Amino acid sequence: MSDLEARARMAEALANFTKEPAWQFLCDHLEAAGRKAVADMGRPGLMQDQQIHFARGAIWAFAELTEMPQRLRTLIENEIAMARAQARITETEL
């Protein structure tokens, strides 16, 4: 299996992964936790500054985690496209 084939399979695996019920469950849980953190931050006097900063970081981490499979898939697909374009250029130069 070539490197491009391995990358294409990984991109496909990531696409399939995000369709899995377990992934959807995880995303729903992270979204609910993020909404709770936002609600807690909005209540006056409930959180100290350090807790607010922690909650902001947690919300950022939730978003990063839920977007990671799509980002990785896009990165892999871009690498494949670049490798194919470079291969075509190399072929025409010969």
C-alpha atoms as a PDB file:
ATOM      1  CA  MET A   1       0.000   0.000   0.000  1.00  0.00           C
ATOM      2  CA  SER A   2       1.399   3.360  -0.990  1.00  0.00           C
ATOM      3  CA  ASP A   3       1.606   6.325   1.337  1.00  0.00           C
ATOM      4  CA  LEU A   4      -1.188   8.077  -0.586  1.00  0.00           C
ATOM      5  CA  GLU A   5      -3.437   5.049  -0.261  1.00  0.00           C
ATOM      6  CA  ALA A   6      -2.744   4.892   3.475  1.00  0.00           C
ATOM      7  CA  ARG A   7      -3.589   8.579   3.834  1.00  0.00           C
ATOM      8  CA  ALA A   8      -6.785   8.175   1.808  1.00  0.00           C
ATOM      9  CA  ARG A   9      -7.840   5.288   4.047  1.00  0.00           C
ATOM     10  CA  MET A  10      -7.143   7.399   7.121  1.00  0.00           C
ATOM     11  CA  ALA A  11      -9.275  10.248   5.744  1.00  0.00           C
ATOM     12  CA  GLU A  12     -12.077   7.780   5.062  1.00  0.00           C
ATOM     13  CA  ALA A  13     -11.716   6.294   8.548  1.00  0.00           C
ATOM     14  CA  LEU A  14     -12.014   9.761  10.083  1.00  0.00           C
ATOM     15  CA  ALA A  15     -15.150  10.456   8.036  1.00  0.00           C
ATOM     16  CA  ASN A  16     -16.670   7.174   9.191  1.00  0.00           C
ATOM     17  CA  PHE A  17     -15.578   7.788  12.789  1.00  0.00           C
ATOM     18  CA  THR A  18     -17.576  11.002  13.030  1.00  0.00           C
ATOM     19  CA  LYS A  19     -20.712   9.133  11.936  1.00  0.00           C
ATOM     20  CA  GLU A  20     -20.450   6.643  14.794  1.00  0.00           C
ATOM     21  CA  PRO A  21     -23.045   6.883  17.591  1.00  0.00           C
ATOM     22  CA  ALA A  22     -20.273   6.924  20.211  1.00  0.00           C
ATOM     23  CA  TRP A  23     -18.703  10.015  18.591  1.00  0.00           C
ATOM     24  CA  GLN A  24     -22.087  11.725  18.418  1.00  0.00           C
ATOM     25  CA  PHE A  25     -22.687  10.863  22.082  1.00  0.00           C
ATOM     26  CA  LEU A  26     -19.297  12.327  23.037  1.00  0.00           C
ATOM     27  CA  CYS A  27     -19.958  15.521  21.066  1.00  0.00           C
ATOM     28  CA  ASP A  28     -23.391  15.899  22.652  1.00  0.00           C
ATOM     29  CA  HIS A  29     -21.868  15.439  26.115  1.00  0.00           C
ATOM     30  CA  LEU A  30     -19.115  17.982  25.421  1.00  0.00           C
ATOM     31  CA  GLU A  31     -21.654  20.466  24.062  1.00  0.00           C
ATOM     32  CA  ALA A  32     -23.796  20.086  27.189  1.00  0.00           C
ATOM     33  CA  ALA A  33     -20.746  20.550  29.420  1.00  0.00           C
ATOM     34  CA  GLY A  34     -19.801  23.648  27.440  1.00  0.00           C
ATOM     35  CA  ARG A  35     -23.294  25.110  27.784  1.00  0.00           C
ATOM     36  CA  LYS A  36     -23.189  24.474  31.533  1.00  0.00           C
ATOM     37  CA  ALA A  37     -19.787  26.175  31.816  1.00  0.00           C
ATOM     38  CA  VAL A  38     -21.094  29.204  29.910  1.00  0.00           C
ATOM     39  CA  ALA A  39     -24.198  29.368  32.099  1.00  0.00           C
ATOM     40  CA  ASP A  40     -22.088  29.125  35.259  1.00  0.00           C
ATOM     41  CA  MET A  41     -19.817  31.905  34.001  1.00  0.00           C
ATOM     42  CA  GLY A  42     -22.842  34.128  33.458  1.00  0.00           C
ATOM     43  CA  ARG A  43     -24.119  33.859  37.008  1.00  0.00           C
ATOM     44  CA  PRO A  44     -22.815  36.737  39.122  1.00  0.00           C
ATOM     45  CA  GLY A  45     -20.668  35.756  42.078  1.00  0.00           C
ATOM     46  CA  LEU A  46     -20.768  32.030  41.327  1.00  0.00           C
ATOM     47  CA  MET A  47     -17.205  31.753  40.040  1.00  0.00           C
ATOM     48  CA  GLN A  48     -13.898  33.280  40.996  1.00  0.00           C
ATOM     49  CA  ASP A  49     -11.507  34.559  38.326  1.00  0.00           C
ATOM     50  CA  GLN A  50      -9.458  31.352  38.262  1.00  0.00           C
ATOM     51  CA  GLN A  51     -12.605  29.271  37.840  1.00  0.00           C
ATOM     52  CA  ILE A  52     -13.745  31.499  34.983  1.00  0.00           C
ATOM     53  CA  HIS A  53     -10.392  31.090  33.236  1.00  0.00           C
ATOM     54  CA  PHE A  54     -10.563  27.329  33.734  1.00  0.00           C
ATOM     55  CA  ALA A  55     -14.095  27.233  32.316  1.00  0.00           C
ATOM     56  CA  ARG A  56     -13.013  29.289  29.296  1.00  0.00           C
ATOM     57  CA  GLY A  57     -10.166  26.863  28.689  1.00  0.00           C
ATOM     58  CA  ALA A  58     -12.517  23.902  29.002  1.00  0.00           C
ATOM     59  CA  ILE A  59     -14.938  25.425  26.493  1.00  0.00           C
ATOM     60  CA  TRP A  60     -12.047  25.994  24.076  1.00  0.00           C
ATOM     61  CA  ALA A  61     -10.885  22.381  24.570  1.00  0.00           C
ATOM     62  CA  PHE A  62     -14.414  21.048  23.926  1.00  0.00           C
ATOM     63  CA  ALA A  63     -14.570  22.943  20.646  1.00  0.00           C
ATOM     64  CA  GLU A  64     -11.090  21.841  19.585  1.00  0.00           C
ATOM     65  CA  LEU A  65     -11.823  18.196  20.333  1.00  0.00           C
ATOM     66  CA  THR A  66     -15.126  18.111  18.485  1.00  0.00           C
ATOM     67  CA  GLU A  67     -13.590  19.793  15.417  1.00  0.00           C
ATOM     68  CA  MET A  68     -10.403  17.700  15.387  1.00  0.00           C
ATOM     69  CA  PRO A  69     -11.548  14.800  13.153  1.00  0.00           C
ATOM     70  CA  GLN A  70     -12.710  17.181  10.422  1.00  0.00           C
ATOM     71  CA  ARG A  71      -9.521  19.249  10.672  1.00  0.00           C
ATOM     72  CA  LEU A  72      -7.374  16.133  10.423  1.00  0.00           C
ATOM     73  CA  ARG A  73      -9.391  14.848   7.493  1.00  0.00           C
ATOM     74  CA  THR A  74      -9.011  18.173   5.683  1.00  0.00           C
ATOM     75  CA  LEU A  75      -5.271  18.189   6.418  1.00  0.00           C
ATOM     76  CA  ILE A  76      -4.872  14.647   5.049  1.00  0.00           C
ATOM     77  CA  GLU A  77      -6.948  15.402   1.950  1.00  0.00           C
ATOM     78  CA  ASN A  78      -4.857  18.514   1.294  1.00  0.00           C
ATOM     79  CA  GLU A  79      -1.640  16.494   1.662  1.00  0.00           C
ATOM     80  CA  ILE A  80      -2.966  13.935  -0.830  1.00  0.00           C
ATOM     81  CA  ALA A  81      -3.918  16.646  -3.309  1.00  0.00           C
ATOM     82  CA  MET A  82      -0.506  18.293  -2.950  1.00  0.00           C
ATOM     83  CA  ALA A  83       1.336  14.991  -3.407  1.00  0.00           C
ATOM     84  CA  ARG A  84      -0.682  14.205  -6.537  1.00  0.00           C
ATOM     85  CA  ALA A  85      -0.074  17.683  -7.947  1.00  0.00           C
ATOM     86  CA  GLN A  86       3.651  17.377  -7.281  1.00  0.00           C
ATOM     87  CA  ALA A  87       3.682  13.954  -8.949  1.00  0.00           C
ATOM     88  CA  ARG A  88       1.994  15.411 -12.062  1.00  0.00           C
ATOM     89  CA  ILE A  89       4.524  18.248 -12.173  1.00  0.00           C
ATOM     90  CA  THR A  90       7.401  15.806 -11.856  1.00  0.00           C
ATOM     91  CA  GLU A  91       5.954  13.652 -14.667  1.00  0.00           C
ATOM     92  CA  THR A  92       5.635  16.624 -17.019  1.00  0.00           C
ATOM     93  CA  GLU A  93       9.211  17.729 -16.300  1.00  0.00           C
ATOM     94  CA  LEU A  94      10.580  14.369 -17.411  1.00  0.00           C
END
